[in-house]
Amino acid sequence: MKLAKFVSYIFHPITFPIVGAFIYFLLVPQFIFKQQEYLFLLVIFLGTYIFPILLMVLMKSFKMISSYHIDSIEERKFPIVLFISIAYFFGWWLQRFGTVNLLSLLFYGYAVGMLVAYGLLHLKFKISLHTSAIGGLIGFLISFSLFYEQNILFLLIALVILTGFIGSARLKLGAHTMNEVFWGAILGVVTQLGVYFYYII
């Protein structure tokens, strides 16, 4: 149980946008000035990681959420709308810079995925945001591999295995059913690929 909680906290959904951005800058073959790269990473880190953490601490202190994992359907609605806005903003912001157009798709993909997740809440179905987030990273890296014609198969395999660990942790904690874990991962991958293919058409 302690290991499951540890995995859930370490691989919280808000960690994946900055992880995706870091991997992008690590692997991207085109030249980007290091100072510009560091600025992108800093702004993304502050906007997608530090700001949501501070917000969730405030929400928990005002009893708007009972857990940082935001497990209940009603508690999820406002944070998901906020995260949609953050993801869309970063997609728009990054798209303005021609050197990182592809990275903007990571955030647009997350915005679309969370929009679908929000819609599903009104049907009383909550997907796992944990597996959706890592699924989104996998989908983005598949897009990255296709766009730059890079073989990153071992990285993708490692992330698929990690998805299994994260999904198992969420099941162990009783936070989700198998369906919610499975469809979360599928939604993450599909929305990223959908945004990518829309972008290149």
Protein backbone atom coordinates (compact mmCIF):
# COMPACT_ATOMS: atom_id res chain seq x y z
CA MET A 1 0.00 0.00 0.00
CA LYS A 2 2.83 2.42 0.85
CA LEU A 3 4.53 1.67 -2.48
CA ALA A 4 1.26 2.31 -4.32
CA LYS A 5 0.90 5.70 -2.59
CA PHE A 6 4.51 6.55 -3.38
CA VAL A 7 4.05 5.70 -7.08
CA SER A 8 0.81 7.72 -7.21
CA TYR A 9 2.47 10.81 -5.71
CA ILE A 10 5.71 10.61 -7.70
CA PHE A 11 3.88 10.06 -10.98
CA HIS A 12 1.04 12.48 -10.34
CA PRO A 13 -0.56 13.73 -13.60
CA ILE A 14 0.93 17.22 -13.23
CA THR A 15 4.48 15.81 -13.51
CA PHE A 16 4.11 14.66 -17.11
CA PRO A 17 3.97 17.99 -19.00
CA ILE A 18 7.37 19.06 -17.64
CA VAL A 19 8.75 15.52 -18.13
CA GLY A 20 7.52 15.60 -21.73
CA ALA A 21 9.10 19.01 -22.33
CA PHE A 22 12.41 17.83 -20.84
CA ILE A 23 12.46 14.71 -23.04
CA TYR A 24 11.59 16.84 -26.08
CA PHE A 25 14.57 19.15 -25.55
CA LEU A 26 16.80 16.17 -24.80
CA LEU A 27 15.93 14.38 -28.06
CA VAL A 28 14.99 17.11 -30.55
CA PRO A 29 17.50 17.09 -33.42
CA GLN A 30 17.16 20.76 -34.38
CA PHE A 31 19.34 23.43 -32.78
CA ILE A 32 17.79 25.48 -29.99
CA PHE A 33 19.77 28.03 -27.99
CA LYS A 34 20.37 26.66 -24.49
CA GLN A 35 19.25 29.88 -22.82
CA GLN A 36 15.96 29.71 -24.74
CA GLU A 37 15.58 26.03 -23.85
CA TYR A 38 16.11 26.74 -20.14
CA LEU A 39 13.59 29.59 -20.28
CA PHE A 40 10.97 27.31 -21.86
CA LEU A 41 11.56 24.63 -19.23
CA LEU A 42 11.43 27.12 -16.35
CA VAL A 43 8.15 28.68 -17.50
CA ILE A 44 6.59 25.26 -18.17
CA PHE A 45 7.75 24.00 -14.75
CA LEU A 46 6.30 27.01 -12.94
CA GLY A 47 3.04 27.03 -14.90
CA THR A 48 2.25 23.32 -15.09
CA TYR A 49 3.80 22.02 -11.87
CA ILE A 50 4.37 24.67 -9.19
CA PHE A 51 1.17 26.64 -9.86
CA PRO A 52 -1.11 23.53 -9.80
CA ILE A 53 0.55 22.31 -6.59
CA LEU A 54 -0.07 25.65 -4.87
CA LEU A 55 -3.64 25.65 -6.17
CA MET A 56 -4.32 22.13 -4.91
CA VAL A 57 -2.87 22.99 -1.48
CA LEU A 58 -5.26 25.95 -1.31
CA MET A 59 -8.19 23.84 -2.48
CA LYS A 60 -7.43 21.18 0.12
CA SER A 61 -7.08 23.76 2.90
CA PHE A 62 -10.51 25.18 1.96
CA LYS A 63 -11.88 21.60 1.79
CA MET A 64 -12.75 21.92 -1.90
CA ILE A 65 -10.97 18.59 -2.44
CA SER A 66 -10.44 15.75 0.01
CA SER A 67 -7.28 14.36 -1.61
CA TYR A 68 -4.52 15.60 -3.92
CA HIS A 69 -5.47 12.76 -6.27
CA ILE A 70 -8.95 14.32 -6.68
CA ASP A 71 -10.69 10.95 -6.77
CA SER A 72 -14.38 11.90 -6.65
CA ILE A 73 -16.31 12.93 -9.77
CA GLU A 74 -17.61 16.24 -8.36
CA GLU A 75 -14.22 17.30 -6.98
CA ARG A 76 -12.60 16.73 -10.38
CA LYS A 77 -14.69 19.16 -12.39
CA PHE A 78 -13.13 22.50 -11.44
CA PRO A 79 -9.48 21.30 -11.39
CA ILE A 80 -9.90 19.65 -14.80
CA VAL A 81 -11.35 22.84 -16.30
CA LEU A 82 -8.39 24.75 -14.87
CA PHE A 83 -5.87 22.23 -16.24
CA ILE A 84 -7.56 22.42 -19.67
CA SER A 85 -7.01 26.19 -19.60
CA ILE A 86 -3.37 25.84 -18.53
CA ALA A 87 -2.62 23.21 -21.17
CA TYR A 88 -4.30 25.22 -23.93
CA PHE A 89 -2.43 28.38 -22.90
CA PHE A 90 0.94 26.62 -23.05
CA GLY A 91 0.07 25.06 -26.40
CA TRP A 92 -0.77 28.52 -27.77
CA TRP A 93 2.32 30.11 -26.19
CA LEU A 94 4.73 27.51 -27.52
CA GLN A 95 3.19 27.54 -30.99
CA ARG A 96 4.18 31.18 -31.32
CA PHE A 97 7.82 30.09 -31.37
CA GLY A 98 8.61 28.33 -34.65
CA THR A 99 11.42 26.30 -33.10
CA VAL A 100 9.14 24.38 -30.72
CA ASN A 101 5.96 23.92 -32.77
CA LEU A 102 5.87 20.19 -32.11
CA LEU A 103 6.17 20.66 -28.34
CA SER A 104 3.01 22.77 -28.43
CA LEU A 105 1.13 19.65 -29.56
CA LEU A 106 1.91 17.94 -26.23
CA PHE A 107 -0.11 20.63 -24.46
CA TYR A 108 -2.87 20.80 -27.05
CA GLY A 109 -3.14 17.01 -26.78
CA TYR A 110 -3.43 17.22 -22.99
CA ALA A 111 -6.08 19.96 -23.33
CA VAL A 112 -8.16 17.80 -25.69
CA GLY A 113 -7.72 14.72 -23.48
CA MET A 114 -8.84 16.57 -20.37
CA LEU A 115 -11.77 18.07 -22.26
CA VAL A 116 -12.94 14.54 -23.08
CA ALA A 117 -12.32 13.49 -19.47
CA TYR A 118 -14.46 16.42 -18.31
CA GLY A 119 -17.26 15.39 -20.65
CA LEU A 120 -17.11 11.83 -19.32
CA LEU A 121 -17.58 13.14 -15.76
CA HIS A 122 -21.06 14.29 -16.77
CA LEU A 123 -21.75 10.71 -17.83
CA LYS A 124 -20.65 9.62 -14.33
CA PHE A 125 -17.50 7.98 -15.70
CA LYS A 126 -14.10 9.05 -14.38
CA ILE A 127 -11.00 7.94 -16.20
CA SER A 128 -7.66 7.61 -14.44
CA LEU A 129 -5.89 10.93 -14.91
CA HIS A 130 -2.65 9.21 -13.89
CA THR A 131 -2.73 6.74 -16.77
CA SER A 132 -4.17 9.37 -19.11
CA ALA A 133 -1.20 11.64 -18.38
CA ILE A 134 1.44 9.01 -19.05
CA GLY A 135 -0.59 7.74 -22.02
CA GLY A 136 -0.45 11.29 -23.35
CA LEU A 137 3.32 11.33 -22.99
CA ILE A 138 3.55 8.03 -24.87
CA GLY A 139 1.28 9.36 -27.62
CA PHE A 140 3.36 12.53 -27.91
CA LEU A 141 6.62 10.59 -28.13
CA ILE A 142 5.15 8.37 -30.86
CA SER A 143 4.30 11.59 -32.72
CA PHE A 144 7.81 12.90 -32.05
CA SER A 145 9.30 9.65 -33.41
CA LEU A 146 7.18 9.87 -36.57
CA PHE A 147 7.90 13.56 -37.16
CA TYR A 148 11.67 13.39 -36.68
CA GLU A 149 12.02 9.77 -37.87
CA GLN A 150 13.81 8.77 -34.66
CA ASN A 151 13.83 5.29 -33.19
CA ILE A 152 12.91 5.67 -29.52
CA LEU A 153 11.40 2.22 -29.12
CA PHE A 154 13.23 1.42 -25.86
CA LEU A 155 11.99 4.65 -24.26
CA LEU A 156 8.43 3.88 -25.34
CA ILE A 157 8.67 0.32 -23.96
CA ALA A 158 9.96 1.70 -20.65
CA LEU A 159 7.03 4.12 -20.47
CA VAL A 160 4.52 1.37 -21.27
CA ILE A 161 5.96 -0.70 -18.40
CA LEU A 162 5.78 2.37 -16.14
CA THR A 163 2.13 2.80 -17.18
CA GLY A 164 1.51 -0.71 -15.87
CA PHE A 165 3.09 0.17 -12.52
CA ILE A 166 1.07 3.38 -12.23
CA GLY A 167 -2.17 1.65 -13.21
CA SER A 168 -1.50 -1.14 -10.69
CA ALA A 169 -0.88 1.44 -7.96
CA ARG A 170 -4.19 3.16 -8.68
CA LEU A 171 -5.99 -0.20 -8.59
CA LYS A 172 -4.22 -1.19 -5.37
CA LEU A 173 -5.39 2.03 -3.71
CA GLY A 174 -8.95 1.42 -4.88
CA ALA A 175 -8.96 4.79 -6.65
CA HIS A 176 -10.05 3.32 -9.98
CA THR A 177 -11.46 0.26 -11.67
CA MET A 178 -9.62 -1.61 -14.42
CA ASN A 179 -11.84 0.07 -17.03
CA GLU A 180 -10.99 3.55 -15.73
CA VAL A 181 -7.27 2.79 -15.76
CA PHE A 182 -7.37 1.20 -19.23
CA TRP A 183 -9.48 3.87 -20.90
CA GLY A 184 -7.44 6.62 -19.28
CA ALA A 185 -4.28 5.33 -20.95
CA ILE A 186 -6.04 4.84 -24.30
CA LEU A 187 -7.52 8.34 -24.18
CA GLY A 188 -4.10 9.84 -23.49
CA VAL A 189 -2.47 8.10 -26.46
CA VAL A 190 -5.35 8.63 -28.90
CA THR A 191 -5.84 12.34 -28.23
CA GLN A 192 -2.13 13.07 -28.69
CA LEU A 193 -2.01 11.15 -31.97
CA GLY A 194 -5.24 12.80 -33.10
CA VAL A 195 -3.81 16.27 -32.49
CA TYR A 196 -0.58 15.31 -34.25
CA PHE A 197 -2.28 13.98 -37.39
CA TYR A 198 -4.56 17.02 -37.47
CA TYR A 199 -1.44 19.20 -37.28
CA ILE A 200 0.42 17.53 -40.17
CA ILE A 201 -2.57 17.24 -42.54
